[in-house]
Amino acid sequence: MRTFLVVLAVFALLVAVAVAYVGWRDRRRLSSDDDPEVVRAARGERHRRVAERQHAQSDGWNRGGHGFTG
C-alpha cells in the first residue's frame, strides 16, 4: 500500500511540475509579444504562407472539381 502511495505522490509531483513549467513558459512567451507591429507583421506573413500553400495545392484541380488536370 505504501508503494502505491509513493508512486501516486511522484506522479502528482511530476504533473504539478509540468503544469507549472507550461504556465511559466506561456507567461514568458506572452511578455515577449509586447511589440504590436512585430506581432502584426508575423501574423501577416503566416497568413500569406498559408494562402500560398492552399493555392499551390489547388492549382491542379479543374474548376468543375472533376479531378486533377495537371
Protein backbone atom coordinates (compact mmCIF):
# COMPACT_ATOMS: atom_id res chain seq x y z
CA MET A 1 0.00 0.00 0.00
CA ARG A 2 2.84 2.36 0.84
CA THR A 3 4.48 1.74 -2.57
CA PHE A 4 1.26 2.75 -4.30
CA LEU A 5 1.12 6.00 -2.30
CA VAL A 6 4.74 6.82 -3.15
CA VAL A 7 4.13 6.18 -6.85
CA LEU A 8 0.97 8.29 -6.71
CA ALA A 9 2.83 11.13 -4.95
CA VAL A 10 5.66 11.07 -7.51
CA PHE A 11 3.15 11.10 -10.36
CA ALA A 12 1.28 14.04 -8.78
CA LEU A 13 4.57 15.90 -8.33
CA LEU A 14 5.51 15.35 -11.98
CA VAL A 15 2.12 16.60 -13.15
CA ALA A 16 2.40 19.68 -10.93
CA VAL A 17 5.90 20.44 -12.24
CA ALA A 18 4.73 20.05 -15.85
CA VAL A 19 1.75 22.37 -15.30
CA ALA A 20 3.96 24.96 -13.59
CA TYR A 21 6.52 24.83 -16.40
CA VAL A 22 3.91 25.25 -19.14
CA GLY A 23 2.36 28.19 -17.28
CA TRP A 24 5.76 29.83 -16.80
CA ARG A 25 6.67 29.28 -20.45
CA ASP A 26 3.39 30.76 -21.68
CA ARG A 27 3.71 33.82 -19.45
CA ARG A 28 7.23 34.37 -20.75
CA ARG A 29 6.11 33.93 -24.36
CA LEU A 30 3.23 36.40 -23.92
CA SER A 31 5.51 39.01 -22.40
CA SER A 32 7.82 38.83 -25.42
CA ASP A 33 4.91 39.70 -27.76
CA ASP A 34 4.70 43.27 -26.46
CA ASP A 35 5.50 44.95 -29.79
CA PRO A 36 2.22 45.04 -31.73
CA GLU A 37 3.93 45.91 -35.01
CA VAL A 38 6.11 42.79 -34.84
CA VAL A 39 3.09 40.64 -33.94
CA ARG A 40 1.07 42.10 -36.83
CA ALA A 41 3.90 41.51 -39.30
CA ALA A 42 4.33 37.91 -38.13
CA ARG A 43 0.60 37.23 -38.46
CA GLY A 44 0.57 38.72 -41.95
CA GLU A 45 3.50 36.56 -43.00
CA ARG A 46 1.84 33.45 -41.56
CA HIS A 47 -1.43 34.19 -43.41
CA ARG A 48 0.47 34.82 -46.64
CA ARG A 49 2.27 31.47 -46.39
CA VAL A 50 -0.97 29.62 -45.66
CA ALA A 51 -2.66 31.25 -48.66
CA GLU A 52 0.29 30.33 -50.92
CA ARG A 53 0.23 26.74 -49.68
CA GLN A 54 -3.52 26.41 -50.27
CA HIS A 55 -3.21 27.93 -53.74
CA ALA A 56 -0.40 25.56 -54.69
CA GLN A 57 -2.42 22.57 -53.53
CA SER A 58 -5.49 23.53 -55.54
CA ASP A 59 -3.71 24.50 -58.79
CA GLY A 60 -4.07 21.06 -60.39
CA TRP A 61 -7.82 20.71 -59.92
CA ASN A 62 -10.12 21.94 -62.66
CA ARG A 63 -12.99 24.32 -61.92
CA GLY A 64 -15.66 21.63 -62.12
CA GLY A 65 -13.96 19.59 -59.40
CA HIS A 66 -13.65 16.55 -61.66
CA GLY A 67 -10.12 15.54 -60.94
CA PHE A 68 -6.54 16.51 -61.36
CA THR A 69 -5.75 18.15 -64.72
CA GLY A 70 -2.06 18.89 -64.28
